[in-house]
Amino acid sequence: MLQNSFSTVTDTQVRGLVEEAAKETPEDAASYLFDLLVAARRLAVTRRHRFLAYLIGMAAEEARLLMMGRSAVRTMKTTS
């Protein structure tokens, strides 16, 4: 079973990673996420999960843009 080949991450470890990421700049966090997404996309392609690979690819593209301080999504400015 594929699931057994990956190490299990506990909630405490996830919280630790989130806290570490909060200390980084937005561009550093986007770079880290980009690396994770590229690896996830490769796995999806290898397993022939084409639609999942496509969706992960879209997320990777957004992470790439965020690394450059840009985004494909427009942010709405709120007025007070």
PDB file of N, CA and C in Angstrom:
ATOM      1  N   MET A   1       0.837  -1.170   0.000  1.00  0.00           N
ATOM      2  CA  MET A   1       0.000   0.000   0.000  1.00  0.00           C
ATOM      3  C   MET A   1       0.890   1.244   0.000  1.00  0.00           C
ATOM      4  N   LEU A   2       0.588   2.205  -0.887  1.00  0.00           N
ATOM      5  CA  LEU A   2       1.401   3.404  -1.051  1.00  0.00           C
ATOM      6  C   LEU A   2       1.462   4.242   0.216  1.00  0.00           C
ATOM      7  N   GLN A   3       0.366   4.329   0.921  1.00  0.00           N
ATOM      8  CA  GLN A   3       0.301   5.153   2.122  1.00  0.00           C
ATOM      9  C   GLN A   3       1.370   4.749   3.137  1.00  0.00           C
ATOM     10  N   ASN A   4       1.641   3.475   3.251  1.00  0.00           N
ATOM     11  CA  ASN A   4       2.632   3.005   4.212  1.00  0.00           C
ATOM     12  C   ASN A   4       4.050   3.386   3.838  1.00  0.00           C
ATOM     13  N   SER A   5       4.284   3.758   2.573  1.00  0.00           N
ATOM     14  CA  SER A   5       5.632   4.123   2.163  1.00  0.00           C
ATOM     15  C   SER A   5       5.991   5.555   2.546  1.00  0.00           C
ATOM     16  N   PHE A   6       5.017   6.333   2.987  1.00  0.00           N
ATOM     17  CA  PHE A   6       5.260   7.702   3.427  1.00  0.00           C
ATOM     18  C   PHE A   6       5.217   7.765   4.946  1.00  0.00           C
ATOM     19  N   SER A   7       6.039   8.628   5.505  1.00  0.00           N
ATOM     20  CA  SER A   7       6.015   8.759   6.956  1.00  0.00           C
ATOM     21  C   SER A   7       4.760   9.525   7.379  1.00  0.00           C
ATOM     22  N   THR A   8       4.246   9.179   8.525  1.00  0.00           N
ATOM     23  CA  THR A   8       3.062   9.831   9.048  1.00  0.00           C
ATOM     24  C   THR A   8       3.482  11.090   9.803  1.00  0.00           C
ATOM     25  N   VAL A   9       2.796  12.180   9.540  1.00  0.00           N
ATOM     26  CA  VAL A   9       3.079  13.450  10.190  1.00  0.00           C
ATOM     27  C   VAL A   9       2.012  13.682  11.242  1.00  0.00           C
ATOM     28  N   THR A  10       2.436  13.964  12.450  1.00  0.00           N
ATOM     29  CA  THR A  10       1.489  14.190  13.532  1.00  0.00           C
ATOM     30  C   THR A  10       0.973  15.627  13.501  1.00  0.00           C
ATOM     31  N   ASP A  11      -0.135  15.860  14.195  1.00  0.00           N
ATOM     32  CA  ASP A  11      -0.687  17.215  14.293  1.00  0.00           C
ATOM     33  C   ASP A  11       0.314  18.174  14.905  1.00  0.00           C
ATOM     34  N   THR A  12       1.062  17.710  15.885  1.00  0.00           N
ATOM     35  CA  THR A  12       2.064  18.553  16.540  1.00  0.00           C
ATOM     36  C   THR A  12       3.144  18.965  15.549  1.00  0.00           C
ATOM     37  N   GLN A  13       3.568  18.038  14.698  1.00  0.00           N
ATOM     38  CA  GLN A  13       4.576  18.362  13.698  1.00  0.00           C
ATOM     39  C   GLN A  13       4.040  19.363  12.682  1.00  0.00           C
ATOM     40  N   VAL A  14       2.780  19.197  12.298  1.00  0.00           N
ATOM     41  CA  VAL A  14       2.168  20.126  11.351  1.00  0.00           C
ATOM     42  C   VAL A  14       2.097  21.515  11.974  1.00  0.00           C
ATOM     43  N   ARG A  15       1.662  21.591  13.224  1.00  0.00           N
ATOM     44  CA  ARG A  15       1.605  22.897  13.899  1.00  0.00           C
ATOM     45  C   ARG A  15       2.976  23.542  13.951  1.00  0.00           C
ATOM     46  N   GLY A  16       4.007  22.736  14.209  1.00  0.00           N
ATOM     47  CA  GLY A  16       5.370  23.259  14.240  1.00  0.00           C
ATOM     48  C   GLY A  16       5.790  23.814  12.889  1.00  0.00           C
ATOM     49  N   LEU A  17       5.441  23.107  11.818  1.00  0.00           N
ATOM     50  CA  LEU A  17       5.770  23.579  10.473  1.00  0.00           C
ATOM     51  C   LEU A  17       5.036  24.869  10.149  1.00  0.00           C
ATOM     52  N   VAL A  18       3.774  24.958  10.557  1.00  0.00           N
ATOM     53  CA  VAL A  18       2.989  26.164  10.301  1.00  0.00           C
ATOM     54  C   VAL A  18       3.584  27.348  11.063  1.00  0.00           C
ATOM     55  N   GLU A  19       3.976  27.131  12.306  1.00  0.00           N
ATOM     56  CA  GLU A  19       4.581  28.202  13.096  1.00  0.00           C
ATOM     57  C   GLU A  19       5.902  28.650  12.488  1.00  0.00           C
ATOM     58  N   GLU A  20       6.703  27.699  11.994  1.00  0.00           N
ATOM     59  CA  GLU A  20       7.965  28.043  11.333  1.00  0.00           C
ATOM     60  C   GLU A  20       7.697  28.857  10.076  1.00  0.00           C
ATOM     61  N   ALA A  21       6.707  28.442   9.297  1.00  0.00           N
ATOM     62  CA  ALA A  21       6.383  29.137   8.055  1.00  0.00           C
ATOM     63  C   ALA A  21       5.896  30.558   8.332  1.00  0.00           C
ATOM     64  N   ALA A  22       5.226  30.760   9.452  1.00  0.00           N
ATOM     65  CA  ALA A  22       4.720  32.088   9.797  1.00  0.00           C
ATOM     66  C   ALA A  22       5.860  33.074  10.029  1.00  0.00           C
ATOM     67  N   LYS A  23       7.044  32.579  10.373  1.00  0.00           N
ATOM     68  CA  LYS A  23       8.197  33.435  10.619  1.00  0.00           C
ATOM     69  C   LYS A  23       8.890  33.839   9.323  1.00  0.00           C
ATOM     70  N   GLU A  24       8.607  33.134   8.236  1.00  0.00           N
ATOM     71  CA  GLU A  24       9.249  33.386   6.953  1.00  0.00           C
ATOM     72  C   GLU A  24       8.531  34.512   6.212  1.00  0.00           C
ATOM     73  N   THR A  25       9.215  35.053   5.202  1.00  0.00           N
ATOM     74  CA  THR A  25       8.565  36.045   4.345  1.00  0.00           C
ATOM     75  C   THR A  25       7.546  35.335   3.464  1.00  0.00           C
ATOM     76  N   PRO A  26       6.567  36.060   2.952  1.00  0.00           N
ATOM     77  CA  PRO A  26       5.598  35.429   2.047  1.00  0.00           C
ATOM     78  C   PRO A  26       6.269  34.771   0.830  1.00  0.00           C
ATOM     79  N   GLU A  27       7.333  35.386   0.328  1.00  0.00           N
ATOM     80  CA  GLU A  27       8.038  34.818  -0.823  1.00  0.00           C
ATOM     81  C   GLU A  27       8.743  33.514  -0.455  1.00  0.00           C
ATOM     82  N   ASP A  28       9.311  33.438   0.759  1.00  0.00           N
ATOM     83  CA  ASP A  28       9.959  32.204   1.211  1.00  0.00           C
ATOM     84  C   ASP A  28       8.935  31.084   1.377  1.00  0.00           C
ATOM     85  N   ALA A  29       7.779  31.424   1.933  1.00  0.00           N
ATOM     86  CA  ALA A  29       6.725  30.427   2.103  1.00  0.00           C
ATOM     87  C   ALA A  29       6.250  29.935   0.743  1.00  0.00           C
ATOM     88  N   ALA A  30       6.095  30.849  -0.212  1.00  0.00           N
ATOM     89  CA  ALA A  30       5.669  30.470  -1.558  1.00  0.00           C
ATOM     90  C   ALA A  30       6.709  29.576  -2.226  1.00  0.00           C
ATOM     91  N   SER A  31       7.974  29.851  -2.005  1.00  0.00           N
ATOM     92  CA  SER A  31       9.043  29.031  -2.564  1.00  0.00           C
ATOM     93  C   SER A  31       8.998  27.614  -2.002  1.00  0.00           C
ATOM     94  N   TYR A  32       8.784  27.507  -0.707  1.00  0.00           N
ATOM     95  CA  TYR A  32       8.684  26.202  -0.051  1.00  0.00           C
ATOM     96  C   TYR A  32       7.487  25.433  -0.597  1.00  0.00           C
ATOM     97  N   LEU A  33       6.347  26.110  -0.692  1.00  0.00           N
ATOM     98  CA  LEU A  33       5.147  25.466  -1.223  1.00  0.00           C
ATOM     99  C   LEU A  33       5.340  25.054  -2.679  1.00  0.00           C
ATOM    100  N   PHE A  34       6.025  25.887  -3.458  1.00  0.00           N
ATOM    101  CA  PHE A  34       6.300  25.547  -4.856  1.00  0.00           C
ATOM    102  C   PHE A  34       7.071  24.233  -4.945  1.00  0.00           C
ATOM    103  N   ASP A  35       8.101  24.094  -4.125  1.00  0.00           N
ATOM    104  CA  ASP A  35       8.883  22.851  -4.123  1.00  0.00           C
ATOM    105  C   ASP A  35       8.019  21.641  -3.773  1.00  0.00           C
ATOM    106  N   LEU A  36       7.165  21.789  -2.774  1.00  0.00           N
ATOM    107  CA  LEU A  36       6.265  20.697  -2.396  1.00  0.00           C
ATOM    108  C   LEU A  36       5.290  20.358  -3.523  1.00  0.00           C
ATOM    109  N   LEU A  37       4.756  21.386  -4.150  1.00  0.00           N
ATOM    110  CA  LEU A  37       3.779  21.174  -5.216  1.00  0.00           C
ATOM    111  C   LEU A  37       4.400  20.517  -6.444  1.00  0.00           C
ATOM    112  N   VAL A  38       5.629  20.887  -6.770  1.00  0.00           N
ATOM    113  CA  VAL A  38       6.310  20.248  -7.905  1.00  0.00           C
ATOM    114  C   VAL A  38       6.472  18.756  -7.638  1.00  0.00           C
ATOM    115  N   ALA A  39       6.877  18.408  -6.419  1.00  0.00           N
ATOM    116  CA  ALA A  39       7.037  16.993  -6.061  1.00  0.00           C
ATOM    117  C   ALA A  39       5.686  16.277  -6.087  1.00  0.00           C
ATOM    118  N   ALA A  40       4.637  16.932  -5.587  1.00  0.00           N
ATOM    119  CA  ALA A  40       3.306  16.322  -5.586  1.00  0.00           C
ATOM    120  C   ALA A  40       2.799  16.125  -7.015  1.00  0.00           C
ATOM    121  N   ARG A  41       3.082  17.083  -7.884  1.00  0.00           N
ATOM    122  CA  ARG A  41       2.650  16.957  -9.276  1.00  0.00           C
ATOM    123  C   ARG A  41       3.362  15.795  -9.958  1.00  0.00           C
ATOM    124  N   ARG A  42       4.652  15.659  -9.708  1.00  0.00           N
ATOM    125  CA  ARG A  42       5.393  14.528 -10.293  1.00  0.00           C
ATOM    126  C   ARG A  42       4.786  13.198  -9.867  1.00  0.00           C
ATOM    127  N   LEU A  43       4.418  13.096  -8.603  1.00  0.00           N
ATOM    128  CA  LEU A  43       3.799  11.866  -8.117  1.00  0.00           C
ATOM    129  C   LEU A  43       2.464  11.626  -8.810  1.00  0.00           C
ATOM    130  N   ALA A  44       1.659  12.676  -8.947  1.00  0.00           N
ATOM    131  CA  ALA A  44       0.359  12.536  -9.611  1.00  0.00           C
ATOM    132  C   ALA A  44       0.532  12.118 -11.073  1.00  0.00           C
ATOM    133  N   VAL A  45       1.517  12.691 -11.753  1.00  0.00           N
ATOM    134  CA  VAL A  45       1.773  12.320 -13.151  1.00  0.00           C
ATOM    135  C   VAL A  45       2.214  10.870 -13.234  1.00  0.00           C
ATOM    136  N   THR A  46       3.117  10.471 -12.339  1.00  0.00           N
ATOM    137  CA  THR A  46       3.610   9.094 -12.321  1.00  0.00           C
ATOM    138  C   THR A  46       2.471   8.103 -12.120  1.00  0.00           C
ATOM    139  N   ARG A  47       1.515   8.463 -11.287  1.00  0.00           N
ATOM    140  CA  ARG A  47       0.369   7.584 -10.997  1.00  0.00           C
ATOM    141  C   ARG A  47      -0.764   7.756 -12.001  1.00  0.00           C
ATOM    142  N   ARG A  48      -0.536   8.579 -13.019  1.00  0.00           N
ATOM    143  CA  ARG A  48      -1.512   8.829 -14.087  1.00  0.00           C
ATOM    144  C   ARG A  48      -2.812   9.463 -13.581  1.00  0.00           C
ATOM    145  N   HIS A  49      -2.672  10.314 -12.590  1.00  0.00           N
ATOM    146  CA  HIS A  49      -3.812  11.094 -12.098  1.00  0.00           C
ATOM    147  C   HIS A  49      -3.767  12.442 -12.812  1.00  0.00           C
ATOM    148  N   ARG A  50      -4.229  12.449 -14.057  1.00  0.00           N
ATOM    149  CA  ARG A  50      -4.043  13.619 -14.906  1.00  0.00           C
ATOM    150  C   ARG A  50      -4.744  14.874 -14.390  1.00  0.00           C
ATOM    151  N   PHE A  51      -5.983  14.738 -13.963  1.00  0.00           N
ATOM    152  CA  PHE A  51      -6.695  15.931 -13.503  1.00  0.00           C
ATOM    153  C   PHE A  51      -6.081  16.468 -12.217  1.00  0.00           C
ATOM    154  N   LEU A  52      -5.711  15.571 -11.310  1.00  0.00           N
ATOM    155  CA  LEU A  52      -5.052  15.998 -10.077  1.00  0.00           C
ATOM    156  C   LEU A  52      -3.726  16.687 -10.397  1.00  0.00           C
ATOM    157  N   ALA A  53      -2.970  16.128 -11.342  1.00  0.00           N
ATOM    158  CA  ALA A  53      -1.702  16.743 -11.747  1.00  0.00           C
ATOM    159  C   ALA A  53      -1.940  18.148 -12.305  1.00  0.00           C
ATOM    160  N   TYR A  54      -3.021  18.295 -13.072  1.00  0.00           N
ATOM    161  CA  TYR A  54      -3.369  19.604 -13.615  1.00  0.00           C
ATOM    162  C   TYR A  54      -3.661  20.603 -12.498  1.00  0.00           C
ATOM    163  N   LEU A  55      -4.491  20.197 -11.538  1.00  0.00           N
ATOM    164  CA  LEU A  55      -4.842  21.096 -10.434  1.00  0.00           C
ATOM    165  C   LEU A  55      -3.616  21.477  -9.610  1.00  0.00           C
ATOM    166  N   ILE A  56      -2.775  20.508  -9.330  1.00  0.00           N
ATOM    167  CA  ILE A  56      -1.548  20.795  -8.575  1.00  0.00           C
ATOM    168  C   ILE A  56      -0.652  21.723  -9.383  1.00  0.00           C
ATOM    169  N   GLY A  57      -0.628  21.524 -10.703  1.00  0.00           N
ATOM    170  CA  GLY A  57       0.140  22.407 -11.577  1.00  0.00           C
ATOM    171  C   GLY A  57      -0.343  23.848 -11.498  1.00  0.00           C
ATOM    172  N   MET A  58      -1.656  24.028 -11.419  1.00  0.00           N
ATOM    173  CA  MET A  58      -2.207  25.381 -11.274  1.00  0.00           C
ATOM    174  C   MET A  58      -1.760  26.012  -9.949  1.00  0.00           C
ATOM    175  N   ALA A  59      -1.801  25.212  -8.892  1.00  0.00           N
ATOM    176  CA  ALA A  59      -1.350  25.711  -7.587  1.00  0.00           C
ATOM    177  C   ALA A  59       0.137  26.032  -7.623  1.00  0.00           C
ATOM    178  N   ALA A  60       0.923  25.202  -8.312  1.00  0.00           N
ATOM    179  CA  ALA A  60       2.363  25.458  -8.427  1.00  0.00           C
ATOM    180  C   ALA A  60       2.622  26.753  -9.190  1.00  0.00           C
ATOM    181  N   GLU A  61       1.833  27.006 -10.227  1.00  0.00           N
ATOM    182  CA  GLU A  61       1.990  28.251 -10.980  1.00  0.00           C
ATOM    183  C   GLU A  61       1.680  29.462 -10.102  1.00  0.00           C
ATOM    184  N   GLU A  62       0.637  29.369  -9.294  1.00  0.00           N
ATOM    185  CA  GLU A  62       0.313  30.467  -8.369  1.00  0.00           C
ATOM    186  C   GLU A  62       1.446  30.668  -7.365  1.00  0.00           C
ATOM    187  N   ALA A  63       2.000  29.580  -6.847  1.00  0.00           N
ATOM    188  CA  ALA A  63       3.122  29.691  -5.907  1.00  0.00           C
ATOM    189  C   ALA A  63       4.319  30.350  -6.588  1.00  0.00           C
ATOM    190  N   ARG A  64       4.556  30.020  -7.862  1.00  0.00           N
ATOM    191  CA  ARG A  64       5.663  30.631  -8.600  1.00  0.00           C
ATOM    192  C   ARG A  64       5.458  32.137  -8.720  1.00  0.00           C
ATOM    193  N   LEU A  65       4.234  32.545  -9.031  1.00  0.00           N
ATOM    194  CA  LEU A  65       3.945  33.970  -9.116  1.00  0.00           C
ATOM    195  C   LEU A  65       4.111  34.661  -7.760  1.00  0.00           C
ATOM    196  N   LEU A  66       3.646  34.004  -6.705  1.00  0.00           N
ATOM    197  CA  LEU A  66       3.772  34.582  -5.362  1.00  0.00           C
ATOM    198  C   LEU A  66       5.237  34.736  -4.959  1.00  0.00           C
ATOM    199  N   MET A  67       6.098  33.842  -5.433  1.00  0.00           N
ATOM    200  CA  MET A  67       7.533  33.970  -5.145  1.00  0.00           C
ATOM    201  C   MET A  67       8.079  35.273  -5.715  1.00  0.00           C
ATOM    202  N   MET A  68       7.457  35.757  -6.799  1.00  0.00           N
ATOM    203  CA  MET A  68       7.879  37.000  -7.439  1.00  0.00           C
ATOM    204  C   MET A  68       7.096  38.202  -6.918  1.00  0.00           C
ATOM    205  N   GLY A  69       6.263  37.955  -5.898  1.00  0.00           N
ATOM    206  CA  GLY A  69       5.478  39.048  -5.329  1.00  0.00           C
ATOM    207  C   GLY A  69       4.245  39.389  -6.142  1.00  0.00           C
ATOM    208  N   ARG A  70       3.828  38.482  -7.007  1.00  0.00           N
ATOM    209  CA  ARG A  70       2.646  38.685  -7.834  1.00  0.00           C
ATOM    210  C   ARG A  70       1.638  37.596  -7.530  1.00  0.00           C
ATOM    211  N   SER A  71       0.471  37.671  -8.154  1.00  0.00           N
ATOM    212  CA  SER A  71      -0.548  36.642  -7.991  1.00  0.00           C
ATOM    213  C   SER A  71      -1.472  36.673  -9.192  1.00  0.00           C
ATOM    214  N   ALA A  72      -2.009  35.518  -9.554  1.00  0.00           N
ATOM    215  CA  ALA A  72      -2.979  35.453 -10.629  1.00  0.00           C
ATOM    216  C   ALA A  72      -4.354  35.879 -10.139  1.00  0.00           C
ATOM    217  N   VAL A  73      -4.522  35.964  -8.844  1.00  0.00           N
ATOM    218  CA  VAL A  73      -5.802  36.325  -8.237  1.00  0.00           C
ATOM    219  C   VAL A  73      -5.740  37.781  -7.819  1.00  0.00           C
ATOM    220  N   ARG A  74      -6.741  38.515  -8.240  1.00  0.00           N
ATOM    221  CA  ARG A  74      -6.802  39.920  -7.813  1.00  0.00           C
ATOM    222  C   ARG A  74      -7.321  39.981  -6.387  1.00  0.00           C
ATOM    223  N   THR A  75      -6.697  40.810  -5.597  1.00  0.00           N
ATOM    224  CA  THR A  75      -7.200  40.990  -4.237  1.00  0.00           C
ATOM    225  C   THR A  75      -8.169  42.167  -4.245  1.00  0.00           C
ATOM    226  N   MET A  76      -9.234  41.996  -3.506  1.00  0.00           N
ATOM    227  CA  MET A  76     -10.231  43.051  -3.421  1.00  0.00           C
ATOM    228  C   MET A  76      -9.821  44.014  -2.312  1.00  0.00           C
ATOM    229  N   LYS A  77      -9.807  45.265  -2.644  1.00  0.00           N
ATOM    230  CA  LYS A  77      -9.475  46.284  -1.649  1.00  0.00           C
ATOM    231  C   LYS A  77     -10.750  46.643  -0.904  1.00  0.00           C
ATOM    232  N   THR A  78     -10.647  46.649   0.405  1.00  0.00           N
ATOM    233  CA  THR A  78     -11.810  47.030   1.204  1.00  0.00           C
ATOM    234  C   THR A  78     -11.697  48.488   1.578  1.00  0.00           C
ATOM    235  N   THR A  79     -12.808  49.151   1.571  1.00  0.00           N
ATOM    236  CA  THR A  79     -12.832  50.546   1.977  1.00  0.00           C
ATOM    237  C   THR A  79     -13.574  50.668   3.287  1.00  0.00           C
ATOM    238  N   SER A  80     -13.091  51.525   4.112  1.00  0.00           N
ATOM    239  CA  SER A  80     -13.737  51.707   5.415  1.00  0.00           C
ATOM    240  C   SER A  80     -14.423  53.041   5.493  1.00  0.00           C
TER     241      SER A  80
END
